[in-house]
Amino acid sequence: MSADVMPNPQLSFGRLALLGLSSVVLSASFIMSIFAPFPIALAVIMYGRLRGYAIGALGAMVCFVLASLLFKDLVLFGFYLCVLLFGFGIAEIVQRGIRPVRGLVIFGLLFLTVLSSLGGFFLKSQNLSAEQYIVQQIEQSSDKLEEQKKLIKQSESTDIEALTLLDNPKLLAKELIKTFPGYIFIAMFIMLWFNMFMVLKSRRLLFAGNDYPHSEHDLLRFQVPFAWISLLVVGLVLATWGQDLGQLWYEDAGMNIIKCLGLFYFFQGFGVLSDFLSFLGIVGFWRSLLVMSIIFLGSTVVAMAGLLDNWFEFRKYFVKKTKID
């Protein structure tokens, strides 16, 4: 890969400040916030840990001011702290030469462990259960919920289920507890994967004259261990017959197992899709358009392709036959 390493760009304070500002703007943009850790990772890799961490801390202060004075809500600040941790984590994986897939899985699981532990300690200190805390927060946001209910009622297709949840804080809290673990797991690993992919794709970041042992192809060759299929079967059984087995939470646990494992099979399927498009010779704008369309409209199909790849090894069919004269 040494041939792919490009000379470092001119490093300047202006470029560093722009990276920090980009992370703040992306974090506040909602739609593009998934890419917010990328500039932070760049800053740490290009300018070193001291300057990278410093610009991240400055960005955190800017987010705190915006969240406090402009939005009157610290959600943006909390999200930016997660962005910083993800950016710093990705940079450490790259700088230490850790295999990308291994590094992301370990970092992601460690982050979830710390996050859940802190959440547990916080609830214990407040003498509240997760459900009680969520109900408390919902009741404090009653004005916003009333506005949301008005918007739903004014819409052409009134969502009766959504209105029922908004009218019943306890029911809404239970629903959030059921779905939140799976969604936070998926959101975290998607953010880590795509930002790591962009960092590895940016060969200029790998320091002038130095070789880096890994590339974005390591992520595209993501392979879920075959033994995990047994865990997927357990999830399917619990999701299908959980209530019949005597516990109501079995079904929710099964659905979360399917969601979490499905994400990893999606990553494997995405690598297969990328190689298939290369086999077809689809590049440039049309490749990007097709990939984005498939991700948003056919993510389940991509995940299924990743699962089936464990048996069929699709890549062995992506070999162009050469004609022998």
C-alpha atoms as a PDB file:
ATOM      1  CA  MET A   1       0.000   0.000   0.000  1.00  0.00           C
ATOM      2  CA  SER A   2       3.043   2.276   0.185  1.00  0.00           C
ATOM      3  CA  ALA A   3       2.500   3.328  -3.407  1.00  0.00           C
ATOM      4  CA  ASP A   4      -0.865   4.759  -2.418  1.00  0.00           C
ATOM      5  CA  VAL A   5       0.502   6.970   0.334  1.00  0.00           C
ATOM      6  CA  MET A   6       0.465  10.603  -0.734  1.00  0.00           C
ATOM      7  CA  PRO A   7       2.490  13.487   0.711  1.00  0.00           C
ATOM      8  CA  ASN A   8       0.898  15.290   3.618  1.00  0.00           C
ATOM      9  CA  PRO A   9      -1.033  18.432   2.740  1.00  0.00           C
ATOM     10  CA  GLN A  10       0.257  21.753   4.023  1.00  0.00           C
ATOM     11  CA  LEU A  11      -0.646  21.881   7.689  1.00  0.00           C
ATOM     12  CA  SER A  12      -1.868  25.227   8.951  1.00  0.00           C
ATOM     13  CA  PHE A  13      -3.877  26.548  11.859  1.00  0.00           C
ATOM     14  CA  GLY A  14      -6.611  27.620   9.432  1.00  0.00           C
ATOM     15  CA  ARG A  15      -7.017  24.081   8.150  1.00  0.00           C
ATOM     16  CA  LEU A  16      -7.114  22.742  11.705  1.00  0.00           C
ATOM     17  CA  ALA A  17      -9.758  25.305  12.696  1.00  0.00           C
ATOM     18  CA  LEU A  18     -11.780  24.398   9.615  1.00  0.00           C
ATOM     19  CA  LEU A  19     -11.760  20.736  10.637  1.00  0.00           C
ATOM     20  CA  GLY A  20     -13.029  21.642  14.099  1.00  0.00           C
ATOM     21  CA  LEU A  21     -15.710  23.937  12.669  1.00  0.00           C
ATOM     22  CA  SER A  22     -16.779  21.221  10.215  1.00  0.00           C
ATOM     23  CA  SER A  23     -17.366  18.761  13.039  1.00  0.00           C
ATOM     24  CA  VAL A  24     -19.563  21.298  14.861  1.00  0.00           C
ATOM     25  CA  VAL A  25     -21.586  22.158  11.739  1.00  0.00           C
ATOM     26  CA  LEU A  26     -22.060  18.488  10.848  1.00  0.00           C
ATOM     27  CA  SER A  27     -23.166  17.676  14.397  1.00  0.00           C
ATOM     28  CA  ALA A  28     -25.802  20.418  14.257  1.00  0.00           C
ATOM     29  CA  SER A  29     -26.985  19.501  10.759  1.00  0.00           C
ATOM     30  CA  PHE A  30     -28.927  16.392  11.871  1.00  0.00           C
ATOM     31  CA  ILE A  31     -28.951  14.678   8.451  1.00  0.00           C
ATOM     32  CA  MET A  32     -25.163  14.854   7.947  1.00  0.00           C
ATOM     33  CA  SER A  33     -24.338  14.393  11.635  1.00  0.00           C
ATOM     34  CA  ILE A  34     -23.348  10.783  10.967  1.00  0.00           C
ATOM     35  CA  PHE A  35     -20.129  12.104   9.375  1.00  0.00           C
ATOM     36  CA  ALA A  36     -19.227  14.486  12.241  1.00  0.00           C
ATOM     37  CA  PRO A  37     -16.422  12.278  13.724  1.00  0.00           C
ATOM     38  CA  PHE A  38     -14.526  12.315  10.404  1.00  0.00           C
ATOM     39  CA  PRO A  39     -13.018  15.851  10.717  1.00  0.00           C
ATOM     40  CA  ILE A  40     -12.002  15.164  14.323  1.00  0.00           C
ATOM     41  CA  ALA A  41     -10.228  11.944  13.319  1.00  0.00           C
ATOM     42  CA  LEU A  42      -8.481  13.858  10.531  1.00  0.00           C
ATOM     43  CA  ALA A  43      -7.340  16.556  12.927  1.00  0.00           C
ATOM     44  CA  VAL A  44      -5.801  14.039  15.339  1.00  0.00           C
ATOM     45  CA  ILE A  45      -4.085  12.026  12.587  1.00  0.00           C
ATOM     46  CA  MET A  46      -2.771  15.016  10.641  1.00  0.00           C
ATOM     47  CA  TYR A  47      -1.838  17.370  13.497  1.00  0.00           C
ATOM     48  CA  GLY A  48      -1.122  14.958  16.317  1.00  0.00           C
ATOM     49  CA  ARG A  49      -2.987  14.130  19.488  1.00  0.00           C
ATOM     50  CA  LEU A  50      -2.306  17.396  21.345  1.00  0.00           C
ATOM     51  CA  ARG A  51      -3.647  19.724  18.650  1.00  0.00           C
ATOM     52  CA  GLY A  52      -6.380  17.313  17.603  1.00  0.00           C
ATOM     53  CA  TYR A  53      -7.698  16.951  21.147  1.00  0.00           C
ATOM     54  CA  ALA A  54      -7.408  20.716  21.666  1.00  0.00           C
ATOM     55  CA  ILE A  55      -9.514  21.549  18.590  1.00  0.00           C
ATOM     56  CA  GLY A  56     -12.026  18.923  19.720  1.00  0.00           C
ATOM     57  CA  ALA A  57     -12.260  20.536  23.158  1.00  0.00           C
ATOM     58  CA  LEU A  58     -12.746  23.941  21.512  1.00  0.00           C
ATOM     59  CA  GLY A  59     -15.540  22.482  19.381  1.00  0.00           C
ATOM     60  CA  ALA A  60     -17.158  21.077  22.533  1.00  0.00           C
ATOM     61  CA  MET A  61     -17.141  24.525  24.117  1.00  0.00           C
ATOM     62  CA  VAL A  62     -18.747  26.026  21.008  1.00  0.00           C
ATOM     63  CA  CYS A  63     -21.441  23.325  21.069  1.00  0.00           C
ATOM     64  CA  PHE A  64     -22.068  23.960  24.762  1.00  0.00           C
ATOM     65  CA  VAL A  65     -22.603  27.670  24.121  1.00  0.00           C
ATOM     66  CA  LEU A  66     -24.892  26.987  21.147  1.00  0.00           C
ATOM     67  CA  ALA A  67     -26.859  24.351  23.037  1.00  0.00           C
ATOM     68  CA  SER A  68     -27.288  26.554  26.113  1.00  0.00           C
ATOM     69  CA  LEU A  69     -28.042  29.924  24.527  1.00  0.00           C
ATOM     70  CA  LEU A  70     -29.518  29.137  21.120  1.00  0.00           C
ATOM     71  CA  PHE A  71     -31.280  25.774  21.452  1.00  0.00           C
ATOM     72  CA  LYS A  72     -31.924  25.888  25.219  1.00  0.00           C
ATOM     73  CA  ASP A  73     -31.174  22.176  25.263  1.00  0.00           C
ATOM     74  CA  LEU A  74     -27.928  20.273  25.938  1.00  0.00           C
ATOM     75  CA  VAL A  75     -28.703  17.436  23.510  1.00  0.00           C
ATOM     76  CA  LEU A  76     -26.331  18.904  20.886  1.00  0.00           C
ATOM     77  CA  PHE A  77     -23.534  19.146  23.454  1.00  0.00           C
ATOM     78  CA  GLY A  78     -24.070  15.537  24.594  1.00  0.00           C
ATOM     79  CA  PHE A  79     -24.084  14.330  20.997  1.00  0.00           C
ATOM     80  CA  TYR A  80     -20.879  16.235  20.239  1.00  0.00           C
ATOM     81  CA  LEU A  81     -19.142  14.553  23.168  1.00  0.00           C
ATOM     82  CA  CYS A  82     -19.974  11.202  21.538  1.00  0.00           C
ATOM     83  CA  VAL A  83     -18.676  12.571  18.219  1.00  0.00           C
ATOM     84  CA  LEU A  84     -15.381  13.476  19.907  1.00  0.00           C
ATOM     85  CA  LEU A  85     -15.022  10.017  21.431  1.00  0.00           C
ATOM     86  CA  PHE A  86     -15.727   8.351  18.079  1.00  0.00           C
ATOM     87  CA  GLY A  87     -13.268  10.618  16.251  1.00  0.00           C
ATOM     88  CA  PHE A  88     -10.558  10.069  18.869  1.00  0.00           C
ATOM     89  CA  GLY A  89     -11.209   6.316  18.859  1.00  0.00           C
ATOM     90  CA  ILE A  90     -10.954   6.028  15.066  1.00  0.00           C
ATOM     91  CA  ALA A  91      -7.755   8.079  15.069  1.00  0.00           C
ATOM     92  CA  GLU A  92      -6.214   5.810  17.729  1.00  0.00           C
ATOM     93  CA  ILE A  93      -7.103   2.692  15.753  1.00  0.00           C
ATOM     94  CA  VAL A  94      -5.366   4.136  12.679  1.00  0.00           C
ATOM     95  CA  GLN A  95      -2.314   5.524  14.478  1.00  0.00           C
ATOM     96  CA  ARG A  96      -1.710   2.309  16.394  1.00  0.00           C
ATOM     97  CA  GLY A  97      -2.029   0.164  13.252  1.00  0.00           C
ATOM     98  CA  ILE A  98      -4.866  -1.919  14.712  1.00  0.00           C
ATOM     99  CA  ARG A  99      -6.912  -3.941  12.233  1.00  0.00           C
ATOM    100  CA  PRO A 100      -9.941  -1.731  11.427  1.00  0.00           C
ATOM    101  CA  VAL A 101     -12.678  -4.343  11.984  1.00  0.00           C
ATOM    102  CA  ARG A 102     -11.147  -5.576  15.227  1.00  0.00           C
ATOM    103  CA  GLY A 103     -10.594  -2.017  16.432  1.00  0.00           C
ATOM    104  CA  LEU A 104     -14.142  -0.883  15.656  1.00  0.00           C
ATOM    105  CA  VAL A 105     -15.775  -3.885  17.320  1.00  0.00           C
ATOM    106  CA  ILE A 106     -13.670  -3.581  20.485  1.00  0.00           C
ATOM    107  CA  PHE A 107     -14.099   0.195  20.681  1.00  0.00           C
ATOM    108  CA  GLY A 108     -17.842  -0.015  19.998  1.00  0.00           C
ATOM    109  CA  LEU A 109     -18.487  -2.685  22.618  1.00  0.00           C
ATOM    110  CA  LEU A 110     -16.312  -0.839  25.136  1.00  0.00           C
ATOM    111  CA  PHE A 111     -18.226   2.391  24.479  1.00  0.00           C
ATOM    112  CA  LEU A 112     -21.575   0.640  24.971  1.00  0.00           C
ATOM    113  CA  THR A 113     -20.352  -0.978  28.203  1.00  0.00           C
ATOM    114  CA  VAL A 114     -19.180   2.349  29.631  1.00  0.00           C
ATOM    115  CA  LEU A 115     -22.345   4.124  28.468  1.00  0.00           C
ATOM    116  CA  SER A 116     -24.670   1.539  30.013  1.00  0.00           C
ATOM    117  CA  SER A 117     -22.622   1.498  33.234  1.00  0.00           C
ATOM    118  CA  LEU A 118     -22.779   5.282  33.565  1.00  0.00           C
ATOM    119  CA  GLY A 119     -26.513   5.173  32.860  1.00  0.00           C
ATOM    120  CA  GLY A 120     -26.985   2.519  35.528  1.00  0.00           C
ATOM    121  CA  PHE A 121     -24.974   4.489  38.116  1.00  0.00           C
ATOM    122  CA  PHE A 122     -26.940   7.648  37.307  1.00  0.00           C
ATOM    123  CA  LEU A 123     -30.316   5.932  37.736  1.00  0.00           C
ATOM    124  CA  LYS A 124     -29.142   4.325  40.969  1.00  0.00           C
ATOM    125  CA  SER A 125     -28.041   7.700  42.326  1.00  0.00           C
ATOM    126  CA  GLN A 126     -31.488   9.098  41.527  1.00  0.00           C
ATOM    127  CA  ASN A 127     -33.268   6.069  43.036  1.00  0.00           C
ATOM    128  CA  LEU A 128     -35.215   5.669  39.802  1.00  0.00           C
ATOM    129  CA  SER A 129     -35.790   2.850  37.348  1.00  0.00           C
ATOM    130  CA  ALA A 130     -35.249   3.427  33.634  1.00  0.00           C
ATOM    131  CA  GLU A 131     -39.013   3.561  33.100  1.00  0.00           C
ATOM    132  CA  GLN A 132     -39.551   6.053  35.909  1.00  0.00           C
ATOM    133  CA  TYR A 133     -36.802   8.331  34.624  1.00  0.00           C
ATOM    134  CA  ILE A 134     -38.167   8.316  31.068  1.00  0.00           C
ATOM    135  CA  VAL A 135     -41.707   9.035  32.295  1.00  0.00           C
ATOM    136  CA  GLN A 136     -40.322  11.932  34.338  1.00  0.00           C
ATOM    137  CA  GLN A 137     -38.575  13.395  31.275  1.00  0.00           C
ATOM    138  CA  ILE A 138     -41.695  12.937  29.131  1.00  0.00           C
ATOM    139  CA  GLU A 139     -43.852  14.761  31.659  1.00  0.00           C
ATOM    140  CA  GLN A 140     -41.352  17.631  31.760  1.00  0.00           C
ATOM    141  CA  SER A 141     -41.609  17.908  27.964  1.00  0.00           C
ATOM    142  CA  SER A 142     -45.413  17.957  27.922  1.00  0.00           C
ATOM    143  CA  ASP A 143     -45.542  21.242  25.951  1.00  0.00           C
ATOM    144  CA  LYS A 144     -43.442  19.801  23.130  1.00  0.00           C
ATOM    145  CA  LEU A 145     -45.513  16.627  23.115  1.00  0.00           C
ATOM    146  CA  GLU A 146     -48.718  18.647  22.773  1.00  0.00           C
ATOM    147  CA  GLU A 147     -47.265  20.428  19.752  1.00  0.00           C
ATOM    148  CA  GLN A 148     -46.281  17.072  18.282  1.00  0.00           C
ATOM    149  CA  LYS A 149     -49.811  15.717  18.798  1.00  0.00           C
ATOM    150  CA  LYS A 150     -51.296  18.737  17.042  1.00  0.00           C
ATOM    151  CA  LEU A 151     -49.027  18.170  14.047  1.00  0.00           C
ATOM    152  CA  ILE A 152     -50.023  14.500  13.878  1.00  0.00           C
ATOM    153  CA  LYS A 153     -53.744  15.351  14.067  1.00  0.00           C
ATOM    154  CA  GLN A 154     -53.361  17.974  11.321  1.00  0.00           C
ATOM    155  CA  SER A 155     -51.610  15.535   8.979  1.00  0.00           C
ATOM    156  CA  GLU A 156     -53.578  13.814   6.225  1.00  0.00           C
ATOM    157  CA  SER A 157     -52.964  10.325   7.588  1.00  0.00           C
ATOM    158  CA  THR A 158     -53.417  10.452  11.359  1.00  0.00           C
ATOM    159  CA  ASP A 159     -51.146   7.967  13.136  1.00  0.00           C
ATOM    160  CA  ILE A 160     -53.422   6.512  15.826  1.00  0.00           C
ATOM    161  CA  GLU A 161     -50.618   4.413  17.327  1.00  0.00           C
ATOM    162  CA  ALA A 162     -48.360   7.458  17.729  1.00  0.00           C
ATOM    163  CA  LEU A 163     -51.155   9.442  19.374  1.00  0.00           C
ATOM    164  CA  THR A 164     -51.813   6.575  21.780  1.00  0.00           C
ATOM    165  CA  LEU A 165     -48.162   6.515  22.831  1.00  0.00           C
ATOM    166  CA  LEU A 166     -48.011  10.284  23.278  1.00  0.00           C
ATOM    167  CA  ASP A 167     -51.141  10.208  25.447  1.00  0.00           C
ATOM    168  CA  ASN A 168     -49.708   7.496  27.694  1.00  0.00           C
ATOM    169  CA  PRO A 169     -46.217   8.344  29.099  1.00  0.00           C
ATOM    170  CA  LYS A 170     -45.787   4.930  30.750  1.00  0.00           C
ATOM    171  CA  LEU A 171     -46.628   3.089  27.535  1.00  0.00           C
ATOM    172  CA  LEU A 172     -44.239   5.358  25.602  1.00  0.00           C
ATOM    173  CA  ALA A 173     -41.499   4.734  28.167  1.00  0.00           C
ATOM    174  CA  LYS A 174     -41.922   0.957  27.866  1.00  0.00           C
ATOM    175  CA  GLU A 175     -41.767   1.190  24.076  1.00  0.00           C
ATOM    176  CA  LEU A 176     -38.569   3.241  24.238  1.00  0.00           C
ATOM    177  CA  ILE A 177     -36.958   0.745  26.611  1.00  0.00           C
ATOM    178  CA  LYS A 178     -37.820  -2.077  24.185  1.00  0.00           C
ATOM    179  CA  THR A 179     -36.398  -0.427  21.052  1.00  0.00           C
ATOM    180  CA  PHE A 180     -33.675   1.935  22.315  1.00  0.00           C
ATOM    181  CA  PRO A 181     -30.868  -0.641  22.909  1.00  0.00           C
ATOM    182  CA  GLY A 182     -31.098  -2.006  19.369  1.00  0.00           C
ATOM    183  CA  TYR A 183     -31.283   1.412  17.721  1.00  0.00           C
ATOM    184  CA  ILE A 184     -28.384   2.878  19.722  1.00  0.00           C
ATOM    185  CA  PHE A 185     -26.270  -0.183  18.824  1.00  0.00           C
ATOM    186  CA  ILE A 186     -27.065   0.195  15.120  1.00  0.00           C
ATOM    187  CA  ALA A 187     -26.562   3.977  15.046  1.00  0.00           C
ATOM    188  CA  MET A 188     -23.211   3.738  16.824  1.00  0.00           C
ATOM    189  CA  PHE A 189     -21.676   1.039  14.622  1.00  0.00           C
ATOM    190  CA  ILE A 190     -22.963   2.651  11.402  1.00  0.00           C
ATOM    191  CA  MET A 191     -21.342   5.934  12.415  1.00  0.00           C
ATOM    192  CA  LEU A 192     -18.074   4.209  13.350  1.00  0.00           C
ATOM    193  CA  TRP A 193     -17.984   2.106  10.169  1.00  0.00           C
ATOM    194  CA  PHE A 194     -18.641   4.911   7.686  1.00  0.00           C
ATOM    195  CA  ASN A 195     -16.232   7.340   9.352  1.00  0.00           C
ATOM    196  CA  MET A 196     -13.498   4.712   9.519  1.00  0.00           C
ATOM    197  CA  PHE A 197     -14.127   3.944   5.852  1.00  0.00           C
ATOM    198  CA  MET A 198     -13.682   7.623   4.903  1.00  0.00           C
ATOM    199  CA  VAL A 199     -10.511   7.918   6.983  1.00  0.00           C
ATOM    200  CA  LEU A 200      -8.976   4.823   5.371  1.00  0.00           C
ATOM    201  CA  LYS A 201     -10.066   6.076   1.952  1.00  0.00           C
ATOM    202  CA  SER A 202      -8.114   9.294   2.550  1.00  0.00           C
ATOM    203  CA  ARG A 203      -4.605   8.053   1.810  1.00  0.00           C
ATOM    204  CA  ARG A 204      -3.086  11.507   2.437  1.00  0.00           C
ATOM    205  CA  LEU A 205      -3.739  11.021   6.132  1.00  0.00           C
ATOM    206  CA  LEU A 206      -1.313   8.149   6.461  1.00  0.00           C
ATOM    207  CA  PHE A 207       1.716  10.397   6.891  1.00  0.00           C
ATOM    208  CA  ALA A 208       4.241  11.156   4.187  1.00  0.00           C
ATOM    209  CA  GLY A 209       6.719   8.385   3.528  1.00  0.00           C
ATOM    210  CA  ASN A 210       5.164   5.980   6.036  1.00  0.00           C
ATOM    211  CA  ASP A 211       3.297   2.838   5.136  1.00  0.00           C
ATOM    212  CA  TYR A 212      -0.022   1.958   6.775  1.00  0.00           C
ATOM    213  CA  PRO A 213      -0.812  -1.771   6.893  1.00  0.00           C
ATOM    214  CA  HIS A 214      -4.588  -1.457   6.326  1.00  0.00           C
ATOM    215  CA  SER A 215      -6.980   0.144   3.844  1.00  0.00           C
ATOM    216  CA  GLU A 216     -10.706   0.537   3.249  1.00  0.00           C
ATOM    217  CA  HIS A 217     -10.649  -2.928   1.687  1.00  0.00           C
ATOM    218  CA  ASP A 218     -10.263  -4.375   5.202  1.00  0.00           C
ATOM    219  CA  LEU A 219     -13.739  -3.025   5.987  1.00  0.00           C
ATOM    220  CA  LEU A 220     -15.173  -4.183   2.670  1.00  0.00           C
ATOM    221  CA  ARG A 221     -13.886  -7.692   3.424  1.00  0.00           C
ATOM    222  CA  PHE A 222     -15.819  -7.730   6.694  1.00  0.00           C
ATOM    223  CA  GLN A 223     -16.702 -11.360   7.499  1.00  0.00           C
ATOM    224  CA  VAL A 224     -19.131 -12.290  10.260  1.00  0.00           C
ATOM    225  CA  PRO A 225     -17.974 -15.462  12.086  1.00  0.00           C
ATOM    226  CA  PHE A 226     -20.012 -18.445  10.916  1.00  0.00           C
ATOM    227  CA  ALA A 227     -20.720 -19.429  14.529  1.00  0.00           C
ATOM    228  CA  TRP A 228     -22.799 -16.261  14.948  1.00  0.00           C
ATOM    229  CA  ILE A 229     -25.520 -17.862  12.827  1.00  0.00           C
ATOM    230  CA  SER A 230     -26.504 -19.928  15.869  1.00  0.00           C
ATOM    231  CA  LEU A 231     -27.037 -16.699  17.812  1.00  0.00           C
ATOM    232  CA  LEU A 232     -29.164 -15.401  14.927  1.00  0.00           C
ATOM    233  CA  VAL A 233     -31.283 -18.568  15.119  1.00  0.00           C
ATOM    234  CA  VAL A 234     -31.768 -17.944  18.848  1.00  0.00           C
ATOM    235  CA  GLY A 235     -32.919 -14.408  18.055  1.00  0.00           C
ATOM    236  CA  LEU A 236     -35.377 -15.648  15.451  1.00  0.00           C
ATOM    237  CA  VAL A 237     -36.815 -18.227  17.853  1.00  0.00           C
ATOM    238  CA  LEU A 238     -37.238 -15.665  20.637  1.00  0.00           C
ATOM    239  CA  ALA A 239     -38.759 -13.062  18.294  1.00  0.00           C
ATOM    240  CA  THR A 240     -41.236 -15.588  16.873  1.00  0.00           C
ATOM    241  CA  TRP A 241     -42.216 -17.644  19.923  1.00  0.00           C
ATOM    242  CA  GLY A 242     -41.016 -15.455  22.793  1.00  0.00           C
ATOM    243  CA  GLN A 243     -44.438 -14.997  24.367  1.00  0.00           C
ATOM    244  CA  ASP A 244     -45.194 -18.719  24.056  1.00  0.00           C
ATOM    245  CA  LEU A 245     -42.009 -19.470  26.002  1.00  0.00           C
ATOM    246  CA  GLY A 246     -43.432 -17.745  29.073  1.00  0.00           C
ATOM    247  CA  GLN A 247     -41.697 -14.354  29.163  1.00  0.00           C
ATOM    248  CA  LEU A 248     -42.921 -11.213  27.391  1.00  0.00           C
ATOM    249  CA  TRP A 249     -39.429  -9.707  27.156  1.00  0.00           C
ATOM    250  CA  TYR A 250     -38.117 -12.715  25.168  1.00  0.00           C
ATOM    251  CA  GLU A 251     -39.715 -11.323  22.012  1.00  0.00           C
ATOM    252  CA  ASP A 252     -38.086  -7.904  22.477  1.00  0.00           C
ATOM    253  CA  ALA A 253     -34.720  -9.523  23.201  1.00  0.00           C
ATOM    254  CA  GLY A 254     -35.028 -11.615  20.043  1.00  0.00           C
ATOM    255  CA  MET A 255     -35.825  -8.572  17.908  1.00  0.00           C
ATOM    256  CA  ASN A 256     -32.815  -6.703  19.304  1.00  0.00           C
ATOM    257  CA  ILE A 257     -30.545  -9.685  18.588  1.00  0.00           C
ATOM    258  CA  ILE A 258     -31.800  -9.779  14.979  1.00  0.00           C
ATOM    259  CA  LYS A 259     -31.280  -6.025  14.541  1.00  0.00           C
ATOM    260  CA  CYS A 260     -27.755  -6.053  15.957  1.00  0.00           C
ATOM    261  CA  LEU A 261     -26.585  -9.112  14.028  1.00  0.00           C
ATOM    262  CA  GLY A 262     -28.380  -7.852  10.927  1.00  0.00           C
ATOM    263  CA  LEU A 263     -26.163  -4.774  10.995  1.00  0.00           C
ATOM    264  CA  PHE A 264     -23.003  -6.882  10.838  1.00  0.00           C
ATOM    265  CA  TYR A 265     -24.449  -8.959   8.007  1.00  0.00           C
ATOM    266  CA  PHE A 266     -25.257  -5.658   6.274  1.00  0.00           C
ATOM    267  CA  PHE A 267     -21.570  -4.697   6.468  1.00  0.00           C
ATOM    268  CA  GLN A 268     -20.605  -8.053   4.964  1.00  0.00           C
ATOM    269  CA  GLY A 269     -23.239  -7.666   2.256  1.00  0.00           C
ATOM    270  CA  PHE A 270     -22.064  -4.129   1.519  1.00  0.00           C
ATOM    271  CA  GLY A 271     -18.584  -5.486   0.793  1.00  0.00           C
ATOM    272  CA  VAL A 272     -20.084  -8.086  -1.557  1.00  0.00           C
ATOM    273  CA  LEU A 273     -22.109  -5.345  -3.276  1.00  0.00           C
ATOM    274  CA  SER A 274     -18.998  -3.197  -3.717  1.00  0.00           C
ATOM    275  CA  ASP A 275     -17.082  -6.063  -5.331  1.00  0.00           C
ATOM    276  CA  PHE A 276     -20.072  -6.874  -7.546  1.00  0.00           C
ATOM    277  CA  LEU A 277     -20.233  -3.292  -8.837  1.00  0.00           C
ATOM    278  CA  SER A 278     -16.484  -3.416  -9.520  1.00  0.00           C
ATOM    279  CA  PHE A 279     -17.010  -6.682 -11.405  1.00  0.00           C
ATOM    280  CA  LEU A 280     -19.672  -4.973 -13.540  1.00  0.00           C
ATOM    281  CA  GLY A 281     -17.358  -2.016 -14.164  1.00  0.00           C
ATOM    282  CA  ILE A 282     -19.718   0.535 -12.563  1.00  0.00           C
ATOM    283  CA  VAL A 283     -17.666   3.459 -11.258  1.00  0.00           C
ATOM    284  CA  GLY A 284     -17.912   7.176 -10.543  1.00  0.00           C
ATOM    285  CA  PHE A 285     -21.196   9.024 -10.182  1.00  0.00           C
ATOM    286  CA  TRP A 286     -23.432   6.104 -11.183  1.00  0.00           C
ATOM    287  CA  ARG A 287     -21.743   3.804  -8.678  1.00  0.00           C
ATOM    288  CA  SER A 288     -22.266   6.329  -5.855  1.00  0.00           C
ATOM    289  CA  LEU A 289     -25.893   6.883  -6.875  1.00  0.00           C
ATOM    290  CA  LEU A 290     -26.592   3.147  -7.056  1.00  0.00           C
ATOM    291  CA  VAL A 291     -24.909   2.433  -3.721  1.00  0.00           C
ATOM    292  CA  MET A 292     -26.840   5.172  -1.912  1.00  0.00           C
ATOM    293  CA  SER A 293     -30.116   4.027  -3.459  1.00  0.00           C
ATOM    294  CA  ILE A 294     -29.528   0.423  -2.418  1.00  0.00           C
ATOM    295  CA  ILE A 295     -28.516   1.416   1.127  1.00  0.00           C
ATOM    296  CA  PHE A 296     -31.650   3.493   1.703  1.00  0.00           C
ATOM    297  CA  LEU A 297     -34.133   1.353  -0.225  1.00  0.00           C
ATOM    298  CA  GLY A 298     -32.736  -2.162   0.030  1.00  0.00           C
ATOM    299  CA  SER A 299     -30.700  -2.429   3.226  1.00  0.00           C
ATOM    300  CA  THR A 300     -32.529  -5.643   4.186  1.00  0.00           C
ATOM    301  CA  VAL A 301     -31.554  -7.230   0.856  1.00  0.00           C
ATOM    302  CA  VAL A 302     -27.920  -6.233   1.434  1.00  0.00           C
ATOM    303  CA  ALA A 303     -28.023  -7.833   4.907  1.00  0.00           C
ATOM    304  CA  MET A 304     -29.532 -11.007   3.440  1.00  0.00           C
ATOM    305  CA  ALA A 305     -26.749 -11.095   0.839  1.00  0.00           C
ATOM    306  CA  GLY A 306     -24.223 -10.857   3.655  1.00  0.00           C
ATOM    307  CA  LEU A 307     -25.868 -13.743   5.494  1.00  0.00           C
ATOM    308  CA  LEU A 308     -26.073 -15.959   2.398  1.00  0.00           C
ATOM    309  CA  ASP A 309     -22.440 -15.153   1.568  1.00  0.00           C
ATOM    310  CA  ASN A 310     -21.464 -17.469   4.426  1.00  0.00           C
ATOM    311  CA  TRP A 311     -22.625 -20.413   2.296  1.00  0.00           C
ATOM    312  CA  PHE A 312     -22.374 -19.267  -1.313  1.00  0.00           C
ATOM    313  CA  GLU A 313     -19.189 -17.128  -1.231  1.00  0.00           C
ATOM    314  CA  PHE A 314     -20.470 -14.765  -3.928  1.00  0.00           C
ATOM    315  CA  ARG A 315     -17.063 -13.250  -4.665  1.00  0.00           C
ATOM    316  CA  LYS A 316     -15.854 -16.438  -6.340  1.00  0.00           C
ATOM    317  CA  TYR A 317     -18.353 -15.704  -9.119  1.00  0.00           C
ATOM    318  CA  PHE A 318     -17.021 -12.155  -9.639  1.00  0.00           C
ATOM    319  CA  VAL A 319     -14.148 -13.302 -11.831  1.00  0.00           C
ATOM    320  CA  LYS A 320     -14.047 -12.183 -15.449  1.00  0.00           C
ATOM    321  CA  LYS A 321     -13.143 -14.960 -17.835  1.00  0.00           C
ATOM    322  CA  THR A 322     -10.320 -14.163 -20.237  1.00  0.00           C
ATOM    323  CA  LYS A 323     -10.502 -15.369 -23.793  1.00  0.00           C
ATOM    324  CA  ILE A 324      -7.571 -17.458 -24.958  1.00  0.00           C
ATOM    325  CA  ASP A 325      -6.742 -17.054 -28.633  1.00  0.00           C
END
